[in-house]
């Protein structure tokens, strides 16, 4: 899957609230009501990631979860990342 240009990524992020381009990735921090709900959210993301065979970096800070999506083999953001972000938004 080919790496998307910055312009292509920006266009696709218009439909994904609060996702941002950072370097060669897209990133979003989710704030949940509690640590327990943050961990539950991470579990849901893990299930989506496994089903897509695409694994984001995850940073858990109490009730905040930061997800970073990038396709390492392509050196940047691809449709695979956009598709996973879209699925995450539906959780």
N, C-alpha and C. Protein backbone atom coordinates (compact mmCIF):
# COMPACT_ATOMS: atom_id res chain seq x y z
N UNK A 1 0.85 -1.17 0.00
CA UNK A 1 0.00 0.00 0.00
C UNK A 1 0.90 1.24 0.00
N UNK A 2 0.68 2.14 -0.92
CA UNK A 2 1.55 3.30 -1.09
C UNK A 2 1.34 4.36 -0.01
N UNK A 3 2.44 5.02 0.30
CA UNK A 3 2.41 6.12 1.26
C UNK A 3 1.61 7.27 0.66
N UNK A 4 0.79 7.91 1.50
CA UNK A 4 -0.02 9.04 1.07
C UNK A 4 0.78 10.33 1.19
N UNK A 5 0.48 11.29 0.32
CA UNK A 5 1.10 12.61 0.43
C UNK A 5 0.48 13.37 1.60
N UNK A 6 1.15 14.40 2.04
CA UNK A 6 0.63 15.21 3.15
C UNK A 6 -0.75 15.78 2.78
N UNK A 7 -0.91 16.22 1.55
CA UNK A 7 -2.19 16.78 1.09
C UNK A 7 -3.28 15.71 1.13
N UNK A 8 -2.96 14.50 0.69
CA UNK A 8 -3.93 13.40 0.73
C UNK A 8 -4.33 13.08 2.17
N UNK A 9 -3.34 13.05 3.05
CA UNK A 9 -3.62 12.76 4.47
C UNK A 9 -4.53 13.84 5.05
N UNK A 10 -4.20 15.10 4.80
CA UNK A 10 -5.01 16.21 5.31
C UNK A 10 -6.45 16.09 4.84
N UNK A 11 -6.65 15.72 3.59
CA UNK A 11 -8.00 15.55 3.06
C UNK A 11 -8.76 14.45 3.78
N UNK A 12 -8.08 13.36 4.05
CA UNK A 12 -8.73 12.24 4.72
C UNK A 12 -8.98 12.50 6.20
N UNK A 13 -8.14 13.32 6.82
CA UNK A 13 -8.31 13.62 8.24
C UNK A 13 -9.48 14.56 8.50
N UNK A 14 -10.00 15.20 7.47
CA UNK A 14 -11.16 16.08 7.65
C UNK A 14 -12.35 15.29 8.21
N UNK A 15 -12.41 14.02 7.91
CA UNK A 15 -13.49 13.16 8.39
C UNK A 15 -13.16 12.46 9.70
N UNK A 16 -11.96 12.69 10.23
CA UNK A 16 -11.52 12.03 11.47
C UNK A 16 -11.20 13.10 12.51
N UNK A 17 -12.11 13.31 13.42
CA UNK A 17 -12.01 14.40 14.40
C UNK A 17 -10.76 14.29 15.28
N UNK A 18 -10.02 15.37 15.31
CA UNK A 18 -8.87 15.55 16.20
C UNK A 18 -7.63 14.73 15.87
N UNK A 19 -7.63 13.98 14.76
CA UNK A 19 -6.41 13.30 14.34
C UNK A 19 -5.50 14.34 13.71
N UNK A 20 -4.19 14.24 13.99
CA UNK A 20 -3.22 15.19 13.48
C UNK A 20 -2.05 14.47 12.83
N UNK A 21 -1.42 15.16 11.90
CA UNK A 21 -0.19 14.64 11.31
C UNK A 21 0.96 15.05 12.21
N UNK A 22 1.77 14.07 12.58
CA UNK A 22 2.99 14.34 13.35
C UNK A 22 4.11 13.51 12.73
N UNK A 23 5.01 14.21 12.07
CA UNK A 23 6.08 13.50 11.39
C UNK A 23 5.52 12.62 10.30
N UNK A 24 5.85 11.32 10.37
CA UNK A 24 5.39 10.36 9.37
C UNK A 24 4.23 9.52 9.88
N UNK A 25 3.41 10.10 10.75
CA UNK A 25 2.31 9.35 11.36
C UNK A 25 1.10 10.25 11.56
N UNK A 26 -0.03 9.60 11.89
CA UNK A 26 -1.20 10.34 12.38
C UNK A 26 -1.38 9.97 13.84
N UNK A 27 -1.80 10.95 14.63
CA UNK A 27 -1.82 10.79 16.08
C UNK A 27 -3.10 11.40 16.65
N UNK A 28 -3.62 10.75 17.68
CA UNK A 28 -4.76 11.31 18.42
C UNK A 28 -4.67 10.86 19.87
N UNK A 29 -5.00 11.78 20.77
CA UNK A 29 -5.10 11.45 22.19
C UNK A 29 -6.57 11.41 22.57
N UNK A 30 -6.97 10.28 23.14
CA UNK A 30 -8.33 10.08 23.62
C UNK A 30 -8.33 10.25 25.13
N UNK A 31 -9.28 11.01 25.66
CA UNK A 31 -9.41 11.17 27.10
C UNK A 31 -10.66 10.42 27.55
N UNK A 32 -10.46 9.46 28.44
CA UNK A 32 -11.55 8.63 28.94
C UNK A 32 -11.87 9.04 30.38
N UNK A 33 -13.03 8.64 30.90
CA UNK A 33 -13.42 9.04 32.25
C UNK A 33 -12.53 8.49 33.38
N UNK A 34 -11.89 7.35 33.14
CA UNK A 34 -11.09 6.73 34.21
C UNK A 34 -10.00 5.85 33.61
N UNK A 35 -9.09 5.42 34.46
CA UNK A 35 -8.03 4.51 34.03
C UNK A 35 -8.63 3.21 33.51
N UNK A 36 -9.61 2.68 34.23
CA UNK A 36 -10.23 1.43 33.84
C UNK A 36 -10.87 1.54 32.45
N UNK A 37 -11.53 2.65 32.16
CA UNK A 37 -12.14 2.84 30.85
C UNK A 37 -11.08 3.05 29.77
N UNK A 38 -9.96 3.64 30.14
CA UNK A 38 -8.86 3.79 29.18
C UNK A 38 -8.32 2.41 28.78
N UNK A 39 -8.18 1.53 29.76
CA UNK A 39 -7.69 0.18 29.47
C UNK A 39 -8.71 -0.59 28.63
N UNK A 40 -9.98 -0.40 28.93
CA UNK A 40 -11.03 -1.04 28.13
C UNK A 40 -10.97 -0.55 26.68
N UNK A 41 -10.75 0.74 26.50
CA UNK A 41 -10.61 1.31 25.16
C UNK A 41 -9.42 0.70 24.44
N UNK A 42 -8.30 0.57 25.13
CA UNK A 42 -7.09 -0.03 24.55
C UNK A 42 -7.38 -1.47 24.10
N UNK A 43 -8.14 -2.20 24.89
CA UNK A 43 -8.50 -3.57 24.52
C UNK A 43 -9.32 -3.59 23.24
N UNK A 44 -10.25 -2.66 23.10
CA UNK A 44 -11.05 -2.57 21.87
C UNK A 44 -10.17 -2.25 20.67
N UNK A 45 -9.24 -1.30 20.85
CA UNK A 45 -8.33 -0.93 19.77
C UNK A 45 -7.44 -2.12 19.41
N UNK A 46 -7.01 -2.86 20.42
CA UNK A 46 -6.18 -4.05 20.18
C UNK A 46 -6.92 -5.05 19.31
N UNK A 47 -8.19 -5.27 19.59
CA UNK A 47 -8.99 -6.20 18.78
C UNK A 47 -9.10 -5.72 17.33
N UNK A 48 -9.34 -4.43 17.15
CA UNK A 48 -9.41 -3.87 15.79
C UNK A 48 -8.07 -4.00 15.08
N UNK A 49 -7.00 -3.71 15.79
CA UNK A 49 -5.65 -3.77 15.21
C UNK A 49 -5.30 -5.20 14.81
N UNK A 50 -5.62 -6.15 15.65
CA UNK A 50 -5.34 -7.55 15.32
C UNK A 50 -6.13 -7.98 14.09
N UNK A 51 -7.40 -7.59 14.03
CA UNK A 51 -8.23 -7.96 12.88
C UNK A 51 -7.69 -7.35 11.58
N UNK A 52 -7.10 -6.17 11.69
CA UNK A 52 -6.56 -5.49 10.51
C UNK A 52 -5.09 -5.86 10.25
N UNK A 53 -4.50 -6.61 11.17
CA UNK A 53 -3.07 -6.95 11.11
C UNK A 53 -2.23 -5.67 10.95
N UNK A 54 -2.59 -4.67 11.76
CA UNK A 54 -1.93 -3.37 11.73
C UNK A 54 -1.91 -2.84 13.15
N UNK A 55 -0.74 -2.59 13.68
CA UNK A 55 -0.61 -2.36 15.12
C UNK A 55 -0.07 -0.97 15.44
N UNK A 56 -0.92 -0.11 16.01
CA UNK A 56 -0.48 1.25 16.34
C UNK A 56 0.38 1.26 17.60
N UNK A 57 1.14 2.32 17.74
CA UNK A 57 1.82 2.58 19.02
C UNK A 57 0.76 3.15 19.95
N UNK A 58 0.79 2.71 21.21
CA UNK A 58 -0.18 3.18 22.19
C UNK A 58 0.55 3.65 23.44
N UNK A 59 0.19 4.83 23.90
CA UNK A 59 0.73 5.39 25.13
C UNK A 59 -0.43 5.60 26.08
N UNK A 60 -0.37 4.96 27.25
CA UNK A 60 -1.43 5.09 28.25
C UNK A 60 -0.90 5.96 29.38
N UNK A 61 -1.62 7.03 29.66
CA UNK A 61 -1.29 7.93 30.77
C UNK A 61 -2.54 8.14 31.59
N UNK A 62 -2.73 7.30 32.59
CA UNK A 62 -3.91 7.26 33.45
C UNK A 62 -5.18 7.16 32.61
N UNK A 63 -5.88 8.27 32.35
CA UNK A 63 -7.13 8.18 31.60
C UNK A 63 -6.98 8.67 30.16
N UNK A 64 -5.74 8.86 29.72
CA UNK A 64 -5.49 9.31 28.36
C UNK A 64 -4.75 8.23 27.58
N UNK A 65 -5.19 8.03 26.35
CA UNK A 65 -4.56 7.05 25.46
C UNK A 65 -4.19 7.78 24.17
N UNK A 66 -2.91 7.78 23.86
CA UNK A 66 -2.44 8.39 22.62
C UNK A 66 -2.11 7.27 21.63
N UNK A 67 -2.73 7.35 20.46
CA UNK A 67 -2.50 6.36 19.41
C UNK A 67 -1.70 7.02 18.28
N UNK A 68 -0.70 6.31 17.81
CA UNK A 68 0.13 6.76 16.70
C UNK A 68 0.07 5.69 15.62
N UNK A 69 -0.40 6.08 14.44
CA UNK A 69 -0.53 5.14 13.33
C UNK A 69 0.38 5.54 12.18
N UNK A 70 1.12 4.56 11.70
CA UNK A 70 2.01 4.74 10.57
C UNK A 70 2.31 3.35 10.01
N UNK A 71 2.61 3.29 8.73
CA UNK A 71 2.97 2.02 8.11
C UNK A 71 4.49 2.01 7.92
N UNK A 72 5.17 1.31 8.79
CA UNK A 72 6.62 1.29 8.80
C UNK A 72 7.24 0.87 7.49
N UNK A 73 6.66 -0.13 6.86
CA UNK A 73 7.23 -0.63 5.60
C UNK A 73 7.15 0.39 4.47
N UNK A 74 6.26 1.38 4.60
CA UNK A 74 6.11 2.42 3.58
C UNK A 74 6.73 3.75 4.03
N UNK A 75 7.14 3.82 5.29
CA UNK A 75 7.77 5.03 5.78
C UNK A 75 6.82 6.21 5.97
N UNK A 76 5.56 5.90 6.23
CA UNK A 76 4.59 6.98 6.44
C UNK A 76 3.17 6.47 6.52
N UNK A 77 2.24 7.37 6.33
CA UNK A 77 0.81 7.06 6.46
C UNK A 77 0.28 6.51 5.14
N UNK A 78 -0.48 5.41 5.25
CA UNK A 78 -1.12 4.80 4.09
C UNK A 78 -2.63 4.69 4.35
N UNK A 79 -3.34 4.20 3.36
CA UNK A 79 -4.78 3.94 3.53
C UNK A 79 -5.02 2.98 4.69
N UNK A 80 -4.08 2.10 4.94
CA UNK A 80 -4.20 1.15 6.05
C UNK A 80 -4.36 1.90 7.37
N UNK A 81 -3.59 2.96 7.55
CA UNK A 81 -3.66 3.77 8.77
C UNK A 81 -4.98 4.53 8.85
N UNK A 82 -5.39 5.10 7.72
CA UNK A 82 -6.66 5.83 7.68
C UNK A 82 -7.82 4.90 7.98
N UNK A 83 -7.78 3.70 7.41
CA UNK A 83 -8.85 2.72 7.64
C UNK A 83 -8.92 2.32 9.12
N UNK A 84 -7.77 2.09 9.74
CA UNK A 84 -7.76 1.72 11.16
C UNK A 84 -8.25 2.89 12.01
N UNK A 85 -7.82 4.09 11.71
CA UNK A 85 -8.30 5.27 12.46
C UNK A 85 -9.81 5.40 12.35
N UNK A 86 -10.34 5.14 11.16
CA UNK A 86 -11.78 5.21 10.94
C UNK A 86 -12.50 4.18 11.81
N UNK A 87 -11.97 2.97 11.87
CA UNK A 87 -12.55 1.92 12.71
C UNK A 87 -12.48 2.30 14.19
N UNK A 88 -11.37 2.86 14.61
CA UNK A 88 -11.19 3.28 16.01
C UNK A 88 -12.24 4.34 16.37
N UNK A 89 -12.50 5.25 15.46
CA UNK A 89 -13.49 6.30 15.71
C UNK A 89 -14.88 5.74 15.94
N UNK A 90 -15.16 4.57 15.45
CA UNK A 90 -16.48 3.95 15.60
C UNK A 90 -16.64 3.23 16.93
N UNK A 91 -15.55 3.11 17.73
CA UNK A 91 -15.63 2.39 19.01
C UNK A 91 -16.27 3.24 20.09
